[in-house]
C-alpha atoms as a PDB file:
ATOM      1  CA  MET A   1      42.837  64.381 -60.237  1.00  0.00           C
ATOM      2  CA  SER A   2      40.733  63.726 -63.272  1.00  0.00           C
ATOM      3  CA  THR A   3      40.939  65.906 -66.332  1.00  0.00           C
ATOM      4  CA  PRO A   4      37.770  67.731 -67.332  1.00  0.00           C
ATOM      5  CA  ARG A   5      35.984  66.203 -70.290  1.00  0.00           C
ATOM      6  CA  PRO A   6      35.108  68.436 -73.176  1.00  0.00           C
ATOM      7  CA  ASP A   7      31.484  69.437 -73.566  1.00  0.00           C
ATOM      8  CA  THR A   8      30.125  67.455 -76.507  1.00  0.00           C
ATOM      9  CA  THR A   9      26.512  68.609 -76.310  1.00  0.00           C
ATOM     10  CA  ALA A  10      25.615  71.692 -78.263  1.00  0.00           C
ATOM     11  CA  GLY A  11      24.374  74.572 -76.146  1.00  0.00           C
ATOM     12  CA  ALA A  12      24.824  72.731 -72.854  1.00  0.00           C
ATOM     13  CA  THR A  13      25.971  74.740 -69.886  1.00  0.00           C
ATOM     14  CA  ARG A  14      28.487  73.638 -67.336  1.00  0.00           C
ATOM     15  CA  ALA A  15      25.641  73.148 -64.814  1.00  0.00           C
ATOM     16  CA  ALA A  16      23.904  70.797 -67.216  1.00  0.00           C
ATOM     17  CA  VAL A  17      27.082  68.731 -67.621  1.00  0.00           C
ATOM     18  CA  GLY A  18      27.498  68.708 -63.831  1.00  0.00           C
ATOM     19  CA  ALA A  19      23.924  67.468 -63.487  1.00  0.00           C
ATOM     20  CA  GLU A  20      25.085  63.953 -64.369  1.00  0.00           C
ATOM     21  CA  PRO A  21      26.557  62.307 -61.250  1.00  0.00           C
ATOM     22  CA  GLU A  22      29.217  60.495 -63.252  1.00  0.00           C
ATOM     23  CA  ASN A  23      30.449  63.830 -64.656  1.00  0.00           C
ATOM     24  CA  ALA A  24      30.416  65.730 -61.327  1.00  0.00           C
ATOM     25  CA  SER A  25      33.523  66.398 -59.275  1.00  0.00           C
ATOM     26  CA  THR A  26      33.849  65.213 -55.711  1.00  0.00           C
ATOM     27  CA  GLY A  27      33.275  68.734 -54.436  1.00  0.00           C
ATOM     28  CA  GLU A  28      30.073  69.057 -56.469  1.00  0.00           C
ATOM     29  CA  LEU A  29      28.844  65.682 -55.212  1.00  0.00           C
ATOM     30  CA  ILE A  30      29.528  66.648 -51.593  1.00  0.00           C
ATOM     31  CA  SER A  31      27.796  69.982 -52.156  1.00  0.00           C
ATOM     32  CA  ARG A  32      24.742  68.224 -53.608  1.00  0.00           C
ATOM     33  CA  LEU A  33      24.755  65.701 -50.773  1.00  0.00           C
ATOM     34  CA  THR A  34      24.820  68.476 -48.177  1.00  0.00           C
ATOM     35  CA  GLU A  35      22.027  70.342 -49.948  1.00  0.00           C
ATOM     36  CA  GLN A  36      19.887  67.223 -50.308  1.00  0.00           C
ATOM     37  CA  LEU A  37      20.434  66.215 -46.683  1.00  0.00           C
ATOM     38  CA  SER A  38      19.423  69.640 -45.412  1.00  0.00           C
ATOM     39  CA  THR A  39      16.348  69.561 -47.666  1.00  0.00           C
ATOM     40  CA  LEU A  40      15.498  66.091 -46.388  1.00  0.00           C
ATOM     41  CA  VAL A  41      15.882  67.165 -42.757  1.00  0.00           C
ATOM     42  CA  ARG A  42      13.709  70.277 -43.320  1.00  0.00           C
ATOM     43  CA  ASP A  43      11.033  68.204 -45.065  1.00  0.00           C
ATOM     44  CA  GLU A  44      11.049  65.594 -42.304  1.00  0.00           C
ATOM     45  CA  ALA A  45      10.789  68.342 -39.672  1.00  0.00           C
ATOM     46  CA  ARG A  46       7.794  69.851 -41.510  1.00  0.00           C
ATOM     47  CA  LEU A  47       6.177  66.421 -41.743  1.00  0.00           C
ATOM     48  CA  ALA A  48       6.741  65.780 -38.024  1.00  0.00           C
ATOM     49  CA  GLN A  49       5.309  69.210 -37.174  1.00  0.00           C
ATOM     50  CA  ALA A  50       2.212  68.580 -39.292  1.00  0.00           C
ATOM     51  CA  GLU A  51       1.749  65.136 -37.740  1.00  0.00           C
ATOM     52  CA  MET A  52       2.118  66.503 -34.203  1.00  0.00           C
ATOM     53  CA  THR A  53      -0.352  69.303 -34.950  1.00  0.00           C
ATOM     54  CA  GLN A  54      -2.906  66.792 -36.183  1.00  0.00           C
ATOM     55  CA  LYS A  55      -2.372  64.523 -33.185  1.00  0.00           C
ATOM     56  CA  ALA A  56      -2.585  67.473 -30.768  1.00  0.00           C
ATOM     57  CA  LYS A  57      -5.939  68.469 -32.260  1.00  0.00           C
ATOM     58  CA  LYS A  58      -7.279  64.935 -31.823  1.00  0.00           C
ATOM     59  CA  LEU A  59      -5.872  64.778 -28.302  1.00  0.00           C
ATOM     60  CA  GLY A  60      -7.531  68.087 -27.401  1.00  0.00           C
ATOM     61  CA  LEU A  61     -10.847  66.934 -28.815  1.00  0.00           C
ATOM     62  CA  GLY A  62     -10.622  63.635 -26.946  1.00  0.00           C
ATOM     63  CA  ALA A  63      -9.756  65.397 -23.685  1.00  0.00           C
ATOM     64  CA  GLY A  64     -12.727  67.725 -24.139  1.00  0.00           C
ATOM     65  CA  LEU A  65     -15.035  64.775 -24.721  1.00  0.00           C
ATOM     66  CA  PHE A  66     -13.691  63.048 -21.604  1.00  0.00           C
ATOM     67  CA  GLY A  67     -14.336  66.239 -19.636  1.00  0.00           C
ATOM     68  CA  ALA A  68     -17.895  66.404 -20.923  1.00  0.00           C
ATOM     69  CA  ALA A  69     -18.409  62.728 -20.060  1.00  0.00           C
ATOM     70  CA  GLY A  70     -17.152  63.384 -16.542  1.00  0.00           C
ATOM     71  CA  LEU A  71     -19.538  66.300 -16.107  1.00  0.00           C
ATOM     72  CA  VAL A  72     -22.522  64.276 -17.310  1.00  0.00           C
ATOM     73  CA  ALA A  73     -21.503  61.396 -15.024  1.00  0.00           C
ATOM     74  CA  PHE A  74     -21.322  63.856 -12.120  1.00  0.00           C
ATOM     75  CA  PHE A  75     -24.886  65.002 -12.815  1.00  0.00           C
ATOM     76  CA  GLY A  76     -25.985  61.374 -13.087  1.00  0.00           C
ATOM     77  CA  LEU A  77     -24.445  60.626  -9.698  1.00  0.00           C
ATOM     78  CA  ALA A  78     -26.132  63.686  -8.178  1.00  0.00           C
ATOM     79  CA  THR A  79     -29.453  62.506  -9.575  1.00  0.00           C
ATOM     80  CA  LEU A  80     -28.877  59.015  -8.192  1.00  0.00           C
ATOM     81  CA  ILE A  81     -28.144  60.460  -4.753  1.00  0.00           C
ATOM     82  CA  THR A  82     -31.346  62.506  -4.944  1.00  0.00           C
ATOM     83  CA  THR A  83     -33.238  59.350  -5.875  1.00  0.00           C
ATOM     84  CA  VAL A  84     -31.840  57.543  -2.832  1.00  0.00           C
ATOM     85  CA  ILE A  85     -32.868  60.456  -0.589  1.00  0.00           C
ATOM     86  CA  LEU A  86     -36.389  60.470  -2.044  1.00  0.00           C
ATOM     87  CA  ALA A  87     -36.675  56.684  -1.668  1.00  0.00           C
ATOM     88  CA  LEU A  88     -35.643  56.861   1.980  1.00  0.00           C
ATOM     89  CA  ALA A  89     -38.091  59.739   2.487  1.00  0.00           C
ATOM     90  CA  LEU A  90     -40.907  57.272   1.820  1.00  0.00           C
ATOM     91  CA  VAL A  91     -40.134  55.411   5.056  1.00  0.00           C
ATOM     92  CA  MET A  92     -38.759  58.238   7.256  1.00  0.00           C
ATOM     93  CA  PRO A  93     -38.812  62.027   7.394  1.00  0.00           C
ATOM     94  CA  ALA A  94     -37.144  63.711   4.393  1.00  0.00           C
ATOM     95  CA  TRP A  95     -34.611  65.575   6.532  1.00  0.00           C
ATOM     96  CA  LEU A  96     -33.468  62.321   8.149  1.00  0.00           C
ATOM     97  CA  SER A  97     -33.054  60.538   4.807  1.00  0.00           C
ATOM     98  CA  ALA A  98     -31.007  63.482   3.477  1.00  0.00           C
ATOM     99  CA  LEU A  99     -28.874  63.442   6.644  1.00  0.00           C
ATOM    100  CA  ILE A 100     -28.212  59.693   6.377  1.00  0.00           C
ATOM    101  CA  VAL A 101     -27.147  59.972   2.726  1.00  0.00           C
ATOM    102  CA  THR A 102     -24.934  62.968   3.562  1.00  0.00           C
ATOM    103  CA  VAL A 103     -23.155  61.096   6.366  1.00  0.00           C
ATOM    104  CA  VAL A 104     -22.577  58.080   4.087  1.00  0.00           C
ATOM    105  CA  LEU A 105     -21.158  60.305   1.339  1.00  0.00           C
ATOM    106  CA  PHE A 106     -18.799  62.066   3.772  1.00  0.00           C
ATOM    107  CA  ALA A 107     -17.630  58.672   5.089  1.00  0.00           C
ATOM    108  CA  ILE A 108     -16.863  57.512   1.532  1.00  0.00           C
ATOM    109  CA  ALA A 109     -15.018  60.801   0.856  1.00  0.00           C
ATOM    110  CA  GLY A 110     -12.953  60.325   4.031  1.00  0.00           C
ATOM    111  CA  VAL A 111     -11.905  56.798   3.085  1.00  0.00           C
ATOM    112  CA  LEU A 112     -10.974  57.928  -0.442  1.00  0.00           C
ATOM    113  CA  ALA A 113      -8.948  60.845   0.979  1.00  0.00           C
ATOM    114  CA  LEU A 114      -6.998  58.539   3.311  1.00  0.00           C
ATOM    115  CA  VAL A 115      -6.220  56.091   0.513  1.00  0.00           C
ATOM    116  CA  GLY A 116      -5.193  58.963  -1.748  1.00  0.00           C
ATOM    117  CA  LYS A 117      -2.949  60.468   0.942  1.00  0.00           C
ATOM    118  CA  LYS A 118      -1.222  57.106   1.391  1.00  0.00           C
ATOM    119  CA  ASP A 119      -0.596  56.822  -2.365  1.00  0.00           C
ATOM    120  CA  VAL A 120       0.749  60.383  -2.555  1.00  0.00           C
ATOM    121  CA  GLN A 121       3.149  59.733   0.313  1.00  0.00           C
ATOM    122  CA  GLN A 122       4.406  56.584  -1.405  1.00  0.00           C
ATOM    123  CA  GLY A 123       4.918  58.495  -4.654  1.00  0.00           C
ATOM    124  CA  ALA A 124       6.802  61.422  -3.093  1.00  0.00           C
ATOM    125  CA  PRO A 125       9.283  62.749  -3.964  1.00  0.00           C
ATOM    126  CA  PRO A 126       8.628  62.492  -7.713  1.00  0.00           C
ATOM    127  CA  VAL A 127      12.216  61.513  -8.512  1.00  0.00           C
ATOM    128  CA  PRO A 128      13.194  58.326 -10.357  1.00  0.00           C
ATOM    129  CA  THR A 129      15.295  56.984  -7.469  1.00  0.00           C
ATOM    130  CA  GLU A 130      15.657  53.467  -8.888  1.00  0.00           C
ATOM    131  CA  ALA A 131      16.769  54.752 -12.284  1.00  0.00           C
ATOM    132  CA  MET A 132      19.245  57.134 -10.645  1.00  0.00           C
ATOM    133  CA  ALA A 133      20.676  54.285  -8.572  1.00  0.00           C
ATOM    134  CA  GLY A 134      21.043  52.202 -11.733  1.00  0.00           C
ATOM    135  CA  VAL A 135      22.868  55.018 -13.512  1.00  0.00           C
ATOM    136  CA  LYS A 136      25.218  55.465 -10.538  1.00  0.00           C
ATOM    137  CA  THR A 137      25.960  51.745 -10.600  1.00  0.00           C
ATOM    138  CA  ASP A 138      26.637  51.885 -14.343  1.00  0.00           C
ATOM    139  CA  ILE A 139      29.007  54.839 -13.904  1.00  0.00           C
ATOM    140  CA  ALA A 140      30.855  53.045 -11.118  1.00  0.00           C
ATOM    141  CA  THR A 141      31.167  49.939 -13.311  1.00  0.00           C
ATOM    142  CA  VAL A 142      32.554  51.963 -16.219  1.00  0.00           C
ATOM    143  CA  LYS A 143      35.053  53.743 -13.939  1.00  0.00           C
ATOM    144  CA  GLU A 144      36.166  50.409 -12.499  1.00  0.00           C
ATOM    145  CA  SER A 145      36.607  48.978 -16.005  1.00  0.00           C
ATOM    146  CA  ALA A 146      38.628  52.015 -17.085  1.00  0.00           C
ATOM    147  CA  ARG A 147      41.057  51.541 -14.183  1.00  0.00           C
ATOM    148  CA  ARG A 148      41.940  47.982 -15.240  1.00  0.00           C
END
């Protein structure tokens, strides 16, 4: 153990002498380290929280703009369909042109539904089967290595 050095500064307190790292005991240094680490962790957590809040706001705004773009595109598509109906109405009765466009739209919807159903069936169940198989293989390899 080291012997304490006498205080040579006039009016200095023990805390002031301990403020110098070369004069601090091991216990004081560990105490400071623990305090500084906890302060650092708290500050980093606050910084991460502020960054995530800012990113979440931007993400929400972007999602809202995408939603608005989708709605406007939907109205544009509806207007285009109306234009096709009106164009066909120039050469045939209006009810027949509307019926033809309706049948075509339902046919497109049916094809999209079948393709979507196929994709959903290929994606089900939503479990990472390949990753789980890899983990099982890794565990078996580690167990086999431990037995040797």
